[in-house]
Amino acid sequence: MRTTFTLITTLIISALTASASPVENTAGRLMKRGGPEICTSHLDGSGETDEQVTKDCCAAVPQQAYFNEAEKQCQPYGGHLGNSVDTGAMVKCCASRGRGSRAVR
């Protein structure tokens, strides 16, 4: 009985650790994943959040995240502690629309 419990616990911890990896290999390319991200009004990442561009990019980038209407940011389904936002793709998307980007803590 104790062995079964230990085995199940080990499997659960392994599964959680594997899914929490900040780097994922998708279709032969590595993508850095991170927490909440916003598009900003200035290219250097400073300034106010551009809500519409953040919302558009959050939807356009293939990732496991959503636009949080209350906090005006692209957020992993796991909340602030999640790490499923494709940071690189969000940076590119924001830049393609003439905006900067930054991670939100």
Protein backbone atom coordinates (compact mmCIF):
# COMPACT_ATOMS: atom_id res chain seq x y z
CA MET A 1 0.00 0.00 0.00
CA ARG A 2 2.78 2.43 0.93
CA THR A 3 4.67 1.54 -2.26
CA THR A 4 1.59 2.27 -4.37
CA PHE A 5 1.15 5.66 -2.69
CA THR A 6 4.82 6.52 -3.25
CA LEU A 7 4.64 5.47 -6.89
CA ILE A 8 1.49 7.51 -7.54
CA THR A 9 2.97 10.54 -5.78
CA THR A 10 6.15 10.26 -7.85
CA LEU A 11 4.16 10.04 -11.08
CA ILE A 12 2.08 13.09 -10.19
CA ILE A 13 5.15 15.15 -9.29
CA SER A 14 6.88 14.07 -12.52
CA ALA A 15 3.85 15.05 -14.58
CA LEU A 16 3.60 18.46 -12.91
CA THR A 17 7.30 19.13 -13.31
CA ALA A 18 7.26 18.17 -16.99
CA SER A 19 4.29 20.43 -17.75
CA ALA A 20 5.88 23.35 -15.88
CA SER A 21 8.96 23.49 -18.12
CA PRO A 22 9.64 27.04 -19.36
CA VAL A 23 10.90 25.76 -22.74
CA GLU A 24 8.83 23.61 -25.07
CA ASN A 25 9.84 21.89 -28.31
CA THR A 26 6.98 22.43 -30.73
CA ALA A 27 7.22 21.18 -34.31
CA GLY A 28 11.01 21.16 -34.21
CA ARG A 29 11.39 24.66 -32.79
CA LEU A 30 12.01 25.72 -29.23
CA MET A 31 9.71 28.33 -27.78
CA LYS A 32 10.20 30.12 -24.50
CA ARG A 33 7.12 30.10 -22.37
CA GLY A 34 6.41 32.56 -19.61
CA GLY A 35 3.82 34.18 -17.44
CA PRO A 36 1.48 37.10 -18.15
CA GLU A 37 2.47 39.42 -20.97
CA ILE A 38 1.22 42.79 -22.28
CA CYS A 39 1.79 44.91 -25.37
CA THR A 40 2.86 48.44 -24.47
CA SER A 41 2.47 51.84 -26.09
CA HIS A 42 6.28 52.29 -26.52
CA LEU A 43 8.59 49.97 -28.46
CA ASP A 44 11.03 49.71 -25.54
CA GLY A 45 8.38 48.05 -23.36
CA SER A 46 7.59 51.14 -21.34
CA GLY A 47 4.35 53.04 -21.27
CA GLU A 48 0.76 52.04 -20.80
CA THR A 49 -0.81 48.74 -21.80
CA ASP A 50 -2.29 48.77 -25.29
CA GLU A 51 -5.35 46.70 -24.45
CA GLN A 52 -6.57 46.10 -27.99
CA VAL A 53 -3.19 44.98 -29.36
CA THR A 54 -2.61 42.78 -26.28
CA LYS A 55 -6.02 41.19 -26.78
CA ASP A 56 -5.42 40.68 -30.53
CA CYS A 57 -1.96 39.18 -30.07
CA CYS A 58 -3.07 36.94 -27.22
CA ALA A 59 -5.70 35.47 -29.55
CA ALA A 60 -3.42 35.34 -32.61
CA VAL A 61 -0.50 33.51 -30.98
CA PRO A 62 -0.94 29.72 -30.67
CA GLN A 63 -0.54 29.26 -26.92
CA GLN A 64 -2.43 28.11 -23.86
CA ALA A 65 -3.45 31.55 -22.65
CA TYR A 66 -6.35 33.99 -22.71
CA PHE A 67 -6.88 37.74 -22.49
CA ASN A 68 -7.87 38.54 -18.92
CA GLU A 69 -10.41 41.37 -19.27
CA ALA A 70 -10.14 42.43 -15.63
CA GLU A 71 -6.33 42.71 -15.60
CA LYS A 72 -5.92 43.67 -19.28
CA GLN A 73 -3.17 41.12 -19.95
CA CYS A 74 -2.52 37.88 -21.79
CA GLN A 75 -2.49 35.33 -19.01
CA PRO A 76 -1.80 31.58 -18.83
CA TYR A 77 -4.79 29.44 -17.92
CA GLY A 78 -2.86 28.67 -14.71
CA GLY A 79 -3.03 32.33 -13.66
CA HIS A 80 -0.03 34.42 -12.62
CA LEU A 81 1.99 31.35 -11.68
CA GLY A 82 1.41 29.65 -15.03
CA ASN A 83 4.01 29.66 -17.79
CA SER A 84 2.20 28.89 -21.02
CA VAL A 85 2.44 32.28 -22.78
CA ASP A 86 4.74 32.07 -25.82
CA THR A 87 6.87 35.08 -24.93
CA GLY A 88 8.78 35.23 -28.22
CA ALA A 89 5.66 35.08 -30.36
CA MET A 90 3.96 37.74 -28.22
CA VAL A 91 6.99 40.05 -28.60
CA LYS A 92 6.93 39.56 -32.39
CA CYS A 93 3.18 40.10 -32.59
CA CYS A 94 3.29 43.31 -30.52
CA ALA A 95 6.24 44.62 -32.56
CA SER A 96 4.46 43.87 -35.84
CA ARG A 97 1.76 46.27 -34.70
CA GLY A 98 4.23 49.00 -33.71
CA ARG A 99 4.09 48.24 -29.98
CA GLY A 100 6.52 47.03 -27.35
CA SER A 101 5.91 44.28 -24.82
CA ARG A 102 6.82 43.25 -21.32
CA ALA A 103 6.18 40.52 -18.81
CA VAL A 104 3.81 41.30 -15.99
CA ARG A 105 4.65 40.23 -12.45
